[in-house]
Amino acid sequence: MNANEMTRVVLIEGKAYQRHADGALTPLADLTDDAGLDGLSAADIEAQAHADPDAAPMSDEAWLKARLDKPEKMPVGLKLDRDVVEWFKAQGGRGYQTRINAVLRRYMEANRKAS
């Protein structure tokens, strides 16, 4: 990817994915060292963030150009087995359709790569 090309990132259930030009999504790796962060004070974390050249603050102009892409949703009539729907609802109730969509997306991505 060249410097002028915009990276599109979408969030699905709080997990970040990179959207490619063909519509494919690639999960972005979580590089956070949670154990290391637990041992640092807030001041230490702030100092490290300011020292990181990749963490430079964004300008107002950059924020004006920033976009949060959300996948376009399409309503469909779909009949699912009752126990499948009840299971997804039991995992947290609200948002069960989003979870079903995430499972279908992972299946699609796995099979798209295999083709």
N, C-alpha and C. Protein backbone atom coordinates (compact mmCIF):
# COMPACT_ATOMS: atom_id res chain seq x y z
N MET A 1 0.85 -1.17 0.00
CA MET A 1 0.00 0.00 0.00
C MET A 1 0.89 1.23 0.00
N ASN A 2 0.60 2.19 -0.89
CA ASN A 2 1.42 3.39 -0.92
C ASN A 2 0.91 4.41 0.09
N ALA A 3 1.70 5.46 0.31
CA ALA A 3 1.39 6.44 1.36
C ALA A 3 0.11 7.21 1.08
N ASN A 4 -0.30 7.31 -0.18
CA ASN A 4 -1.51 8.07 -0.53
C ASN A 4 -2.78 7.24 -0.44
N GLU A 5 -2.63 5.93 -0.31
CA GLU A 5 -3.77 5.04 -0.27
C GLU A 5 -4.37 5.02 1.14
N MET A 6 -5.70 5.15 1.21
CA MET A 6 -6.36 5.17 2.50
C MET A 6 -6.63 3.75 2.97
N THR A 7 -6.34 3.49 4.24
CA THR A 7 -6.66 2.20 4.83
C THR A 7 -8.06 2.29 5.38
N ARG A 8 -8.92 1.35 5.01
CA ARG A 8 -10.28 1.33 5.51
C ARG A 8 -10.37 0.28 6.59
N VAL A 9 -10.86 0.72 7.74
CA VAL A 9 -10.99 -0.18 8.88
C VAL A 9 -12.45 -0.19 9.28
N VAL A 10 -12.98 -1.39 9.52
CA VAL A 10 -14.35 -1.53 10.01
C VAL A 10 -14.31 -2.26 11.33
N LEU A 11 -15.25 -1.93 12.19
CA LEU A 11 -15.38 -2.61 13.47
C LEU A 11 -16.57 -3.54 13.42
N ILE A 12 -16.34 -4.79 13.76
CA ILE A 12 -17.41 -5.77 13.85
C ILE A 12 -17.32 -6.37 15.24
N GLU A 13 -18.34 -6.11 16.04
CA GLU A 13 -18.37 -6.55 17.43
C GLU A 13 -17.12 -6.13 18.18
N GLY A 14 -16.68 -4.90 17.96
CA GLY A 14 -15.54 -4.36 18.68
C GLY A 14 -14.18 -4.82 18.19
N LYS A 15 -14.13 -5.64 17.14
CA LYS A 15 -12.86 -6.11 16.60
C LYS A 15 -12.61 -5.39 15.28
N ALA A 16 -11.38 -4.93 15.10
CA ALA A 16 -11.02 -4.16 13.91
C ALA A 16 -10.62 -5.08 12.75
N TYR A 17 -11.13 -4.75 11.57
CA TYR A 17 -10.81 -5.47 10.34
C TYR A 17 -10.40 -4.45 9.28
N GLN A 18 -9.44 -4.81 8.44
CA GLN A 18 -9.08 -3.97 7.30
C GLN A 18 -9.93 -4.40 6.12
N ARG A 19 -10.59 -3.42 5.47
CA ARG A 19 -11.39 -3.71 4.29
C ARG A 19 -10.52 -3.47 3.06
N HIS A 20 -10.45 -4.48 2.20
CA HIS A 20 -9.67 -4.39 0.96
C HIS A 20 -10.55 -3.90 -0.17
N ALA A 21 -9.94 -3.51 -1.27
CA ALA A 21 -10.67 -2.96 -2.42
C ALA A 21 -11.72 -3.94 -2.95
N ASP A 22 -11.46 -5.25 -2.84
CA ASP A 22 -12.43 -6.24 -3.33
C ASP A 22 -13.53 -6.54 -2.32
N GLY A 23 -13.51 -5.84 -1.18
CA GLY A 23 -14.52 -6.05 -0.16
C GLY A 23 -14.13 -7.06 0.91
N ALA A 24 -13.03 -7.75 0.71
CA ALA A 24 -12.59 -8.74 1.69
C ALA A 24 -12.14 -8.04 2.97
N LEU A 25 -12.34 -8.71 4.09
CA LEU A 25 -11.92 -8.18 5.39
C LEU A 25 -10.82 -9.05 5.97
N THR A 26 -9.81 -8.41 6.51
CA THR A 26 -8.72 -9.10 7.17
C THR A 26 -8.67 -8.64 8.62
N PRO A 27 -8.73 -9.56 9.59
CA PRO A 27 -8.64 -9.12 10.98
C PRO A 27 -7.31 -8.42 11.24
N LEU A 28 -7.36 -7.32 11.98
CA LEU A 28 -6.14 -6.63 12.36
C LEU A 28 -5.66 -7.19 13.69
N ALA A 29 -4.39 -7.48 13.77
CA ALA A 29 -3.82 -8.08 14.97
C ALA A 29 -3.84 -7.08 16.12
N ASP A 30 -4.16 -7.55 17.30
CA ASP A 30 -4.09 -6.74 18.51
C ASP A 30 -2.68 -6.87 19.06
N LEU A 31 -1.91 -5.80 18.97
CA LEU A 31 -0.51 -5.84 19.39
C LEU A 31 -0.31 -5.28 20.79
N THR A 32 -1.39 -5.09 21.52
CA THR A 32 -1.30 -4.53 22.86
C THR A 32 -0.65 -5.51 23.82
N ASP A 33 0.34 -5.04 24.56
CA ASP A 33 0.98 -5.85 25.60
C ASP A 33 0.25 -5.55 26.91
N ASP A 34 -0.89 -6.22 27.12
CA ASP A 34 -1.72 -5.95 28.29
C ASP A 34 -0.96 -6.20 29.59
N ALA A 35 -0.17 -7.27 29.65
CA ALA A 35 0.58 -7.57 30.87
C ALA A 35 1.59 -6.47 31.16
N GLY A 36 2.26 -6.00 30.12
CA GLY A 36 3.24 -4.92 30.29
C GLY A 36 2.58 -3.62 30.71
N LEU A 37 1.41 -3.34 30.16
CA LEU A 37 0.69 -2.11 30.51
C LEU A 37 0.23 -2.12 31.96
N ASP A 38 -0.14 -3.28 32.45
CA ASP A 38 -0.62 -3.38 33.84
C ASP A 38 0.44 -2.92 34.84
N GLY A 39 1.72 -3.05 34.49
CA GLY A 39 2.79 -2.67 35.40
C GLY A 39 3.22 -1.23 35.27
N LEU A 40 2.60 -0.46 34.37
CA LEU A 40 2.99 0.93 34.15
C LEU A 40 2.00 1.89 34.77
N SER A 41 2.52 3.03 35.18
CA SER A 41 1.63 4.09 35.67
C SER A 41 1.05 4.83 34.46
N ALA A 42 0.03 5.62 34.72
CA ALA A 42 -0.58 6.41 33.65
C ALA A 42 0.44 7.37 33.05
N ALA A 43 1.30 7.94 33.88
CA ALA A 43 2.33 8.87 33.40
C ALA A 43 3.33 8.15 32.49
N ASP A 44 3.70 6.90 32.84
CA ASP A 44 4.61 6.11 32.01
C ASP A 44 3.98 5.82 30.64
N ILE A 45 2.73 5.44 30.66
CA ILE A 45 2.02 5.15 29.39
C ILE A 45 1.95 6.39 28.52
N GLU A 46 1.62 7.52 29.14
CA GLU A 46 1.54 8.80 28.41
C GLU A 46 2.90 9.15 27.80
N ALA A 47 3.98 8.97 28.56
CA ALA A 47 5.33 9.28 28.07
C ALA A 47 5.69 8.39 26.89
N GLN A 48 5.37 7.09 26.99
CA GLN A 48 5.67 6.18 25.89
C GLN A 48 4.87 6.53 24.64
N ALA A 49 3.63 6.92 24.82
CA ALA A 49 2.79 7.29 23.67
C ALA A 49 3.36 8.53 22.97
N HIS A 50 3.81 9.51 23.74
CA HIS A 50 4.38 10.72 23.15
C HIS A 50 5.71 10.44 22.45
N ALA A 51 6.44 9.43 22.90
CA ALA A 51 7.73 9.09 22.30
C ALA A 51 7.59 8.22 21.05
N ASP A 52 6.41 7.67 20.82
CA ASP A 52 6.17 6.77 19.68
C ASP A 52 5.94 7.58 18.41
N PRO A 53 6.85 7.46 17.42
CA PRO A 53 6.68 8.25 16.19
C PRO A 53 5.43 7.86 15.39
N ASP A 54 4.93 6.64 15.59
CA ASP A 54 3.72 6.21 14.88
C ASP A 54 2.45 6.70 15.57
N ALA A 55 2.59 7.29 16.74
CA ALA A 55 1.43 7.74 17.50
C ALA A 55 1.30 9.26 17.49
N ALA A 56 1.84 9.89 16.45
CA ALA A 56 1.76 11.36 16.36
C ALA A 56 0.30 11.79 16.31
N PRO A 57 -0.02 12.89 16.98
CA PRO A 57 -1.40 13.37 16.95
C PRO A 57 -1.84 13.69 15.52
N MET A 58 -3.10 13.46 15.24
CA MET A 58 -3.63 13.77 13.90
C MET A 58 -3.99 15.25 13.84
N SER A 59 -3.73 15.85 12.70
CA SER A 59 -4.09 17.25 12.50
C SER A 59 -5.59 17.36 12.29
N ASP A 60 -6.12 18.57 12.42
CA ASP A 60 -7.54 18.80 12.14
C ASP A 60 -7.87 18.40 10.71
N GLU A 61 -6.94 18.66 9.78
CA GLU A 61 -7.17 18.31 8.37
C GLU A 61 -7.27 16.80 8.20
N ALA A 62 -6.41 16.06 8.91
CA ALA A 62 -6.46 14.60 8.82
C ALA A 62 -7.77 14.06 9.39
N TRP A 63 -8.24 14.65 10.50
CA TRP A 63 -9.51 14.21 11.08
C TRP A 63 -10.66 14.50 10.14
N LEU A 64 -10.59 15.61 9.41
CA LEU A 64 -11.65 15.95 8.46
C LEU A 64 -11.73 14.93 7.33
N LYS A 65 -10.60 14.32 6.99
CA LYS A 65 -10.57 13.33 5.91
C LYS A 65 -10.85 11.91 6.41
N ALA A 66 -10.81 11.70 7.73
CA ALA A 66 -10.99 10.36 8.30
C ALA A 66 -12.42 9.88 8.07
N ARG A 67 -12.55 8.58 7.84
CA ARG A 67 -13.87 7.97 7.66
C ARG A 67 -13.94 6.68 8.44
N LEU A 68 -15.10 6.43 8.98
CA LEU A 68 -15.37 5.15 9.61
C LEU A 68 -16.34 4.42 8.70
N ASP A 69 -15.84 3.40 8.04
CA ASP A 69 -16.69 2.63 7.13
C ASP A 69 -17.44 1.56 7.88
N LYS A 70 -18.71 1.53 7.69
CA LYS A 70 -19.54 0.46 8.24
C LYS A 70 -20.06 -0.33 7.05
N PRO A 71 -20.03 -1.65 7.14
CA PRO A 71 -20.55 -2.45 6.03
C PRO A 71 -22.00 -2.08 5.75
N GLU A 72 -22.33 -1.99 4.48
CA GLU A 72 -23.72 -1.69 4.10
C GLU A 72 -24.58 -2.90 4.44
N LYS A 73 -25.66 -2.66 5.15
CA LYS A 73 -26.56 -3.75 5.53
C LYS A 73 -27.70 -3.85 4.52
N MET A 74 -28.15 -5.07 4.29
CA MET A 74 -29.25 -5.32 3.38
C MET A 74 -30.26 -6.20 4.10
N PRO A 75 -31.50 -5.74 4.24
CA PRO A 75 -32.48 -6.58 4.91
C PRO A 75 -32.83 -7.80 4.05
N VAL A 76 -32.90 -8.96 4.70
CA VAL A 76 -33.26 -10.19 4.00
C VAL A 76 -34.26 -10.97 4.85
N GLY A 77 -35.05 -11.75 4.19
CA GLY A 77 -35.92 -12.70 4.89
C GLY A 77 -35.18 -14.01 4.97
N LEU A 78 -34.92 -14.48 6.17
CA LEU A 78 -34.10 -15.66 6.35
C LEU A 78 -34.72 -16.53 7.43
N LYS A 79 -34.92 -17.78 7.13
CA LYS A 79 -35.46 -18.71 8.12
C LYS A 79 -34.33 -19.53 8.68
N LEU A 80 -34.19 -19.48 10.01
CA LEU A 80 -33.15 -20.23 10.70
C LEU A 80 -33.79 -21.19 11.69
N ASP A 81 -33.08 -22.23 12.03
CA ASP A 81 -33.58 -23.17 13.02
C ASP A 81 -33.76 -22.44 14.36
N ARG A 82 -34.86 -22.74 15.05
CA ARG A 82 -35.19 -22.07 16.31
C ARG A 82 -34.05 -22.19 17.32
N ASP A 83 -33.46 -23.39 17.44
CA ASP A 83 -32.41 -23.56 18.44
C ASP A 83 -31.17 -22.73 18.12
N VAL A 84 -30.90 -22.50 16.83
CA VAL A 84 -29.77 -21.66 16.44
C VAL A 84 -30.01 -20.23 16.89
N VAL A 85 -31.18 -19.69 16.59
CA VAL A 85 -31.52 -18.31 16.97
C VAL A 85 -31.51 -18.17 18.49
N GLU A 86 -32.11 -19.13 19.19
CA GLU A 86 -32.15 -19.07 20.66
C GLU A 86 -30.74 -19.10 21.24
N TRP A 87 -29.86 -19.90 20.66
CA TRP A 87 -28.49 -19.96 21.15
C TRP A 87 -27.80 -18.61 20.98
N PHE A 88 -27.92 -17.99 19.79
CA PHE A 88 -27.30 -16.68 19.57
C PHE A 88 -27.89 -15.63 20.51
N LYS A 89 -29.18 -15.67 20.73
CA LYS A 89 -29.81 -14.72 21.65
C LYS A 89 -29.29 -14.93 23.08
N ALA A 90 -29.08 -16.18 23.46
CA ALA A 90 -28.61 -16.49 24.81
C ALA A 90 -27.18 -16.00 25.05
N GLN A 91 -26.43 -15.74 23.97
CA GLN A 91 -25.05 -15.27 24.12
C GLN A 91 -24.98 -13.79 24.50
N GLY A 92 -26.11 -13.13 24.58
CA GLY A 92 -26.08 -11.72 24.96
C GLY A 92 -27.33 -10.98 24.55
N GLY A 93 -28.32 -11.70 24.04
CA GLY A 93 -29.58 -11.05 23.68
C GLY A 93 -29.41 -10.07 22.54
N ARG A 94 -29.47 -8.78 22.87
CA ARG A 94 -29.37 -7.73 21.87
C ARG A 94 -28.07 -7.89 21.06
N GLY A 95 -28.18 -7.74 19.76
CA GLY A 95 -27.01 -7.87 18.89
C GLY A 95 -26.83 -9.27 18.32
N TYR A 96 -27.81 -10.14 18.53
CA TYR A 96 -27.63 -11.52 18.06
C TYR A 96 -27.55 -11.58 16.53
N GLN A 97 -28.26 -10.69 15.83
CA GLN A 97 -28.18 -10.69 14.37
C GLN A 97 -26.79 -10.29 13.91
N THR A 98 -26.17 -9.36 14.63
CA THR A 98 -24.80 -8.95 14.30
C THR A 98 -23.84 -10.11 14.51
N ARG A 99 -24.06 -10.88 15.58
CA ARG A 99 -23.20 -12.04 15.82
C ARG A 99 -23.38 -13.09 14.74
N ILE A 100 -24.61 -13.32 14.31
CA ILE A 100 -24.85 -14.28 13.22
C ILE A 100 -24.15 -13.79 11.96
N ASN A 101 -24.25 -12.49 11.68
CA ASN A 101 -23.59 -11.91 10.51
C ASN A 101 -22.07 -12.10 10.59
N ALA A 102 -21.50 -11.92 11.79
CA ALA A 102 -20.05 -12.08 11.96
C ALA A 102 -19.62 -13.51 11.67
N VAL A 103 -20.42 -14.49 12.12
CA VAL A 103 -20.11 -15.90 11.84
C VAL A 103 -20.17 -16.17 10.34
N LEU A 104 -21.20 -15.65 9.69
CA LEU A 104 -21.33 -15.83 8.24
C LEU A 104 -20.18 -15.14 7.50
N ARG A 105 -19.77 -13.96 7.98
CA ARG A 105 -18.67 -13.24 7.34
C ARG A 105 -17.38 -14.05 7.46
N ARG A 106 -17.11 -14.61 8.64
CA ARG A 106 -15.89 -15.42 8.82
C ARG A 106 -15.91 -16.64 7.90
N TYR A 107 -17.06 -17.27 7.77
CA TYR A 107 -17.20 -18.41 6.87
C TYR A 107 -16.93 -17.97 5.42
N MET A 108 -17.53 -16.83 5.04
CA MET A 108 -17.34 -16.32 3.68
C MET A 108 -15.87 -16.03 3.42
N GLU A 109 -15.22 -15.34 4.38
CA GLU A 109 -13.81 -14.99 4.18
C GLU A 109 -12.93 -16.25 4.08
N ALA A 110 -13.19 -17.24 4.90
CA ALA A 110 -12.41 -18.48 4.85
C ALA A 110 -12.59 -19.19 3.51
N ASN A 111 -13.79 -19.18 2.99
CA ASN A 111 -14.05 -19.85 1.73
C ASN A 111 -13.67 -19.02 0.52
N ARG A 112 -13.66 -17.72 0.66
CA ARG A 112 -13.22 -16.85 -0.43
C ARG A 112 -11.73 -17.06 -0.67
N LYS A 113 -10.94 -17.19 0.41
CA LYS A 113 -9.51 -17.40 0.29
C LYS A 113 -9.20 -18.77 -0.29
N ALA A 114 -10.03 -19.75 0.03
CA ALA A 114 -9.81 -21.12 -0.45
C ALA A 114 -10.12 -21.26 -1.93
N SER A 115 -10.96 -20.38 -2.47
CA SER A 115 -11.38 -20.50 -3.87
C SER A 115 -10.31 -20.06 -4.83
